[in-house]
Amino acid sequence: MEKSETYKALEADFTSTFIHELMPGVLHNFANPLNGIMGRSKLLQRRIDDTVRKINEQYPETAAGLQDELQRIKNDIRSVNKESESFFEMFRDASGKFYALAAKGKDRINISQLLAAEMRFANFYLEFKHEITKNMQFDSDCLDIKGNTAELSLAFWRLIRFAMTRALKSEIKELSLTTHHNHENILILIKYSGDAVPEDVSNFIAQYFQGDNLDIADVKMEKGFLMALVMLKQYSAGIQFSTKEDSNTISITMPYRVSAG
């Protein structure tokens, strides 16, 4: 059954609260029991180790008879600990994205850390996680820039998503993301297999970033991709597109001392 206009309006009204109102509460409610599970599982690990040690010392014959069973219990508890830590890492990656999107005002932002978080979040897209060969190299010595985390998170995520969708449609399905820096700029390289940005579009965007009075909305590309470029221009970024054999590269240069707004 086709959705009515009334349903679509109500759906849009619900989703409008998702990032700023719903998800912070959901994440908060998940965090408390998760922290409890992790704390209790680690405590249980210490207790079983102490208990097994005491049994071995005080009742060696009994311990010998229970050795296999006690080892299975210890292994099960270690598995619970490992799985709880894995779940916590996934929770951190998901919550980090939504907390970033809820950020207000300006802050000091480490681009390498931001992009590493975006790539971890991308693993929630199963095709990206299982089908794309990824290579990531982040410069840990990059200086921070001043800006809004939500703006940069959305902009870079859209560029990653752009590269991801093209890599998935290619035969070799590869994507890499690297960061470097020099004394003036942060350099971000997004390389991907698949279809390149058309040359006329690439030339138009180059003119747009050089300050020409052009309307980027006239470009025939995905709107989200174009809006990401508009956002990065507000940070005085430079964008270049290049292609070599089966690999395409989006090169982004961001100066340290300029912030949007």
Protein backbone atom coordinates (compact mmCIF):
# COMPACT_ATOMS: atom_id res chain seq x y z
CA MET A 1 0.00 0.00 0.00
CA GLU A 2 1.36 3.41 -0.92
CA LYS A 3 1.99 5.70 2.03
CA SER A 4 -0.44 8.58 2.33
CA GLU A 5 0.71 12.20 2.50
CA THR A 6 -0.51 12.28 6.10
CA TYR A 7 1.67 9.29 7.00
CA LYS A 8 4.68 10.82 5.24
CA ALA A 9 4.16 14.07 7.17
CA LEU A 10 3.96 12.22 10.49
CA GLU A 11 7.02 10.13 9.59
CA ALA A 12 8.99 13.28 8.76
CA ASP A 13 7.87 14.86 12.03
CA PHE A 14 9.11 11.81 13.96
CA THR A 15 12.46 11.60 12.18
CA SER A 16 13.05 15.33 12.77
CA THR A 17 13.51 14.55 16.49
CA PHE A 18 15.76 11.56 15.91
CA ILE A 19 19.25 13.05 16.11
CA HIS A 20 18.83 15.77 18.69
CA GLU A 21 16.15 14.35 20.99
CA LEU A 22 15.57 10.61 20.59
CA MET A 23 19.06 9.16 20.09
CA PRO A 24 20.73 10.92 23.06
CA GLY A 25 18.09 9.39 25.34
CA VAL A 26 18.35 5.95 23.74
CA LEU A 27 22.14 5.97 24.05
CA HIS A 28 21.99 7.15 27.64
CA ASN A 29 19.57 4.35 28.55
CA PHE A 30 21.80 1.76 26.89
CA ALA A 31 24.99 3.10 28.48
CA ASN A 32 24.03 2.48 32.11
CA PRO A 33 23.26 -1.26 31.85
CA LEU A 34 26.18 -1.76 29.47
CA ASN A 35 28.59 -0.24 31.97
CA GLY A 36 27.07 -2.48 34.65
CA ILE A 37 27.49 -5.61 32.52
CA MET A 38 31.11 -4.79 31.77
CA GLY A 39 31.91 -4.02 35.39
CA ARG A 40 30.24 -7.17 36.71
CA SER A 41 31.81 -9.41 34.08
CA LYS A 42 35.31 -8.15 34.93
CA LEU A 43 34.58 -8.62 38.64
CA LEU A 44 33.32 -12.14 37.95
CA GLN A 45 36.55 -12.88 36.06
CA ARG A 46 38.66 -11.89 39.07
CA ARG A 47 36.43 -13.84 41.46
CA ILE A 48 36.54 -17.08 39.48
CA ASP A 49 40.33 -16.82 39.16
CA ASP A 50 40.63 -16.31 42.93
CA THR A 51 38.18 -19.12 43.67
CA VAL A 52 39.98 -21.60 41.40
CA ARG A 53 43.31 -20.65 42.97
CA LYS A 54 41.95 -21.22 46.49
CA ILE A 55 40.44 -24.59 45.54
CA ASN A 56 43.78 -25.66 44.05
CA GLU A 57 45.61 -24.64 47.24
CA GLN A 58 43.16 -25.96 49.85
CA TYR A 59 41.57 -28.93 48.10
CA PRO A 60 44.05 -30.19 45.50
CA GLU A 61 42.35 -33.56 45.04
CA THR A 62 38.94 -31.96 44.53
CA ALA A 63 40.48 -29.42 42.17
CA ALA A 64 42.01 -32.21 40.10
CA GLY A 65 38.58 -33.80 39.65
CA LEU A 66 36.99 -30.48 38.72
CA GLN A 67 39.80 -29.21 36.55
CA ASP A 68 38.01 -29.57 33.21
CA GLU A 69 34.75 -28.09 34.51
CA LEU A 70 36.48 -25.16 36.20
CA GLN A 71 38.45 -24.44 33.03
CA ARG A 72 35.23 -24.41 30.99
CA ILE A 73 33.70 -21.91 33.44
CA LYS A 74 36.78 -19.69 33.21
CA ASN A 75 36.71 -19.86 29.42
CA ASP A 76 33.01 -18.96 29.34
CA ILE A 77 33.59 -15.94 31.58
CA ARG A 78 36.51 -14.80 29.41
CA SER A 79 34.24 -15.09 26.37
CA VAL A 80 31.58 -12.98 28.08
CA ASN A 81 34.23 -10.36 28.87
CA LYS A 82 35.50 -10.36 25.30
CA GLU A 83 32.02 -10.06 23.82
CA SER A 84 31.04 -7.27 26.23
CA GLU A 85 34.17 -5.32 25.25
CA SER A 86 33.34 -5.85 21.58
CA PHE A 87 29.78 -4.64 22.15
CA PHE A 88 31.08 -1.61 24.03
CA GLU A 89 33.32 -0.69 21.08
CA MET A 90 30.36 -0.89 18.69
CA PHE A 91 28.25 1.16 21.10
CA ARG A 92 31.05 3.73 21.30
CA ASP A 93 31.23 3.98 17.51
CA ALA A 94 27.47 4.42 17.11
CA SER A 95 27.05 6.80 20.02
CA GLY A 96 30.07 8.82 18.98
CA LYS A 97 28.45 9.55 15.61
CA PHE A 98 25.20 10.77 17.12
CA TYR A 99 26.92 12.81 19.80
CA ALA A 100 28.97 14.43 17.03
CA LEU A 101 25.80 15.28 15.10
CA ALA A 102 24.30 16.86 18.21
CA ALA A 103 27.32 19.13 18.77
CA LYS A 104 26.63 22.85 19.03
CA GLY A 105 29.03 25.74 18.71
CA LYS A 106 32.70 25.55 17.81
CA ASP A 107 35.35 23.30 19.27
CA ARG A 108 38.89 22.08 18.63
CA ILE A 109 38.61 19.18 16.17
CA ASN A 110 41.27 16.63 15.28
CA ILE A 111 40.51 15.68 11.68
CA SER A 112 42.37 12.36 11.89
CA GLN A 113 40.35 11.30 14.93
CA LEU A 114 37.11 12.48 13.33
CA LEU A 115 37.75 10.52 10.14
CA ALA A 116 38.78 7.39 12.06
CA ALA A 117 35.45 7.57 13.90
CA GLU A 118 33.56 8.03 10.61
CA MET A 119 35.21 4.94 9.14
CA ARG A 120 34.35 2.88 12.23
CA PHE A 121 30.75 4.06 11.93
CA ALA A 122 30.75 3.03 8.27
CA ASN A 123 31.18 -0.59 9.39
CA PHE A 124 27.51 -0.57 10.43
CA TYR A 125 26.81 -0.66 6.68
CA LEU A 126 27.25 -4.39 6.13
CA GLU A 127 28.24 -4.14 2.47
CA PHE A 128 30.98 -1.70 3.40
CA LYS A 129 32.17 -3.91 6.25
CA HIS A 130 32.24 -7.21 4.37
CA GLU A 131 32.72 -6.40 0.68
CA ILE A 132 35.12 -3.46 0.49
CA THR A 133 38.86 -3.79 1.02
CA LYS A 134 39.81 -0.83 3.21
CA ASN A 135 43.13 0.84 3.92
CA MET A 136 43.34 3.61 6.51
CA GLN A 137 46.39 5.60 7.57
CA PHE A 138 45.81 8.52 9.92
CA ASP A 139 48.40 11.11 10.86
CA SER A 140 48.30 11.15 14.67
CA ASP A 141 50.30 14.40 14.79
CA CYS A 142 47.76 16.53 12.92
CA LEU A 143 46.99 19.80 14.68
CA ASP A 144 43.40 20.57 15.62
CA ILE A 145 41.25 22.98 13.66
CA LYS A 146 38.46 25.13 15.05
CA GLY A 147 34.99 24.30 13.83
CA ASN A 148 31.68 22.58 14.48
CA THR A 149 31.90 18.82 14.86
CA ALA A 150 28.41 18.21 13.45
CA GLU A 151 29.19 20.15 10.27
CA LEU A 152 32.45 18.35 9.56
CA SER A 153 31.05 14.95 10.55
CA LEU A 154 28.19 15.30 8.06
CA ALA A 155 30.41 16.68 5.30
CA PHE A 156 33.12 14.03 5.52
CA TRP A 157 30.60 11.24 6.01
CA ARG A 158 28.90 12.22 2.76
CA LEU A 159 32.20 12.13 0.88
CA ILE A 160 33.02 8.72 2.39
CA ARG A 161 29.55 7.53 1.43
CA PHE A 162 30.08 8.85 -2.11
CA ALA A 163 33.31 6.86 -2.44
CA MET A 164 31.77 3.82 -0.75
CA THR A 165 28.84 3.53 -3.17
CA ARG A 166 31.14 3.73 -6.18
CA ALA A 167 33.59 1.20 -4.77
CA LEU A 168 30.73 -1.24 -4.16
CA LYS A 169 29.75 -1.05 -7.83
CA SER A 170 33.29 -1.75 -9.04
CA GLU A 171 34.97 -5.10 -9.54
CA ILE A 172 37.89 -4.65 -7.14
CA LYS A 173 35.91 -2.79 -4.42
CA GLU A 174 38.69 -0.84 -2.71
CA LEU A 175 38.66 2.30 -0.59
CA SER A 176 41.45 4.04 1.29
CA LEU A 177 41.54 7.11 3.49
CA THR A 178 44.73 8.82 4.63
CA THR A 179 45.62 12.06 6.40
CA HIS A 180 48.85 14.04 6.39
CA HIS A 181 49.86 17.52 7.45
CA ASN A 182 52.41 20.21 6.75
CA HIS A 183 53.08 23.53 8.46
CA GLU A 184 49.91 25.11 7.01
CA ASN A 185 47.38 22.45 6.04
CA ILE A 186 45.78 19.12 6.78
CA LEU A 187 45.74 16.89 3.70
CA ILE A 188 42.99 14.27 3.32
CA LEU A 189 43.02 11.70 0.52
CA ILE A 190 39.98 9.54 -0.21
CA LYS A 191 40.81 6.93 -2.85
CA TYR A 192 38.25 4.54 -4.29
CA SER A 193 37.69 2.16 -7.16
CA GLY A 194 34.80 2.59 -9.55
CA ASP A 195 33.37 5.46 -11.56
CA ALA A 196 35.25 8.74 -11.49
CA VAL A 197 33.71 12.18 -11.14
CA PRO A 198 32.98 13.36 -14.71
CA GLU A 199 35.60 15.77 -16.05
CA ASP A 200 33.13 18.60 -16.66
CA VAL A 201 31.85 18.30 -13.10
CA SER A 202 35.40 18.17 -11.74
CA ASN A 203 36.33 21.33 -13.66
CA PHE A 204 33.20 23.15 -12.51
CA ILE A 205 33.87 22.27 -8.85
CA ALA A 206 37.50 23.37 -9.20
CA GLN A 207 36.33 26.79 -10.41
CA TYR A 208 33.81 26.95 -7.58
CA PHE A 209 36.53 26.37 -4.98
CA GLN A 210 38.77 28.94 -6.62
CA GLY A 211 36.20 31.56 -5.70
CA ASP A 212 34.33 31.94 -8.95
CA ASN A 213 30.76 33.13 -8.55
CA LEU A 214 29.10 29.88 -9.59
CA ASP A 215 25.94 28.15 -8.43
CA ILE A 216 27.00 24.64 -7.47
CA ALA A 217 23.34 23.59 -7.45
CA ASP A 218 23.55 23.59 -11.27
CA VAL A 219 25.92 20.60 -11.19
CA LYS A 220 24.34 17.27 -12.06
CA MET A 221 25.55 15.29 -9.04
CA GLU A 222 23.99 13.97 -5.85
CA LYS A 223 22.70 16.85 -3.75
CA GLY A 224 24.24 15.52 -0.54
CA PHE A 225 27.66 15.28 -2.18
CA LEU A 226 27.41 18.87 -3.41
CA MET A 227 26.26 20.14 0.00
CA ALA A 228 29.30 18.46 1.59
CA LEU A 229 31.53 20.43 -0.80
CA VAL A 230 29.71 23.66 0.04
CA MET A 231 30.28 22.99 3.74
CA LEU A 232 34.00 22.33 3.27
CA LYS A 233 34.38 25.53 1.23
CA GLN A 234 33.15 27.41 4.30
CA TYR A 235 36.29 26.08 6.02
CA SER A 236 38.46 27.45 3.17
CA ALA A 237 39.15 23.90 2.01
CA GLY A 238 40.54 23.06 -1.40
CA ILE A 239 39.20 20.10 -3.40
CA GLN A 240 40.76 18.25 -6.33
CA PHE A 241 39.66 15.14 -8.21
CA SER A 242 42.06 12.86 -10.04
CA THR A 243 42.04 9.45 -11.69
CA LYS A 244 44.89 7.01 -12.26
CA GLU A 245 44.21 3.59 -13.79
CA ASP A 246 41.45 1.99 -11.67
CA SER A 247 41.74 4.41 -8.74
CA ASN A 248 40.05 7.77 -8.17
CA THR A 249 41.18 10.29 -5.58
CA ILE A 250 39.41 13.12 -3.78
CA SER A 251 42.13 15.38 -2.36
CA ILE A 252 41.07 17.81 0.35
CA THR A 253 43.31 20.53 1.79
CA MET A 254 42.21 22.27 4.98
CA PRO A 255 44.13 25.17 6.56
CA TYR A 256 44.67 25.06 10.32
CA ARG A 257 43.84 28.64 11.12
CA VAL A 258 40.52 29.09 9.36
CA SER A 259 37.10 28.10 10.73
CA ALA A 260 33.66 28.37 9.18
CA GLY A 261 31.38 31.22 10.06
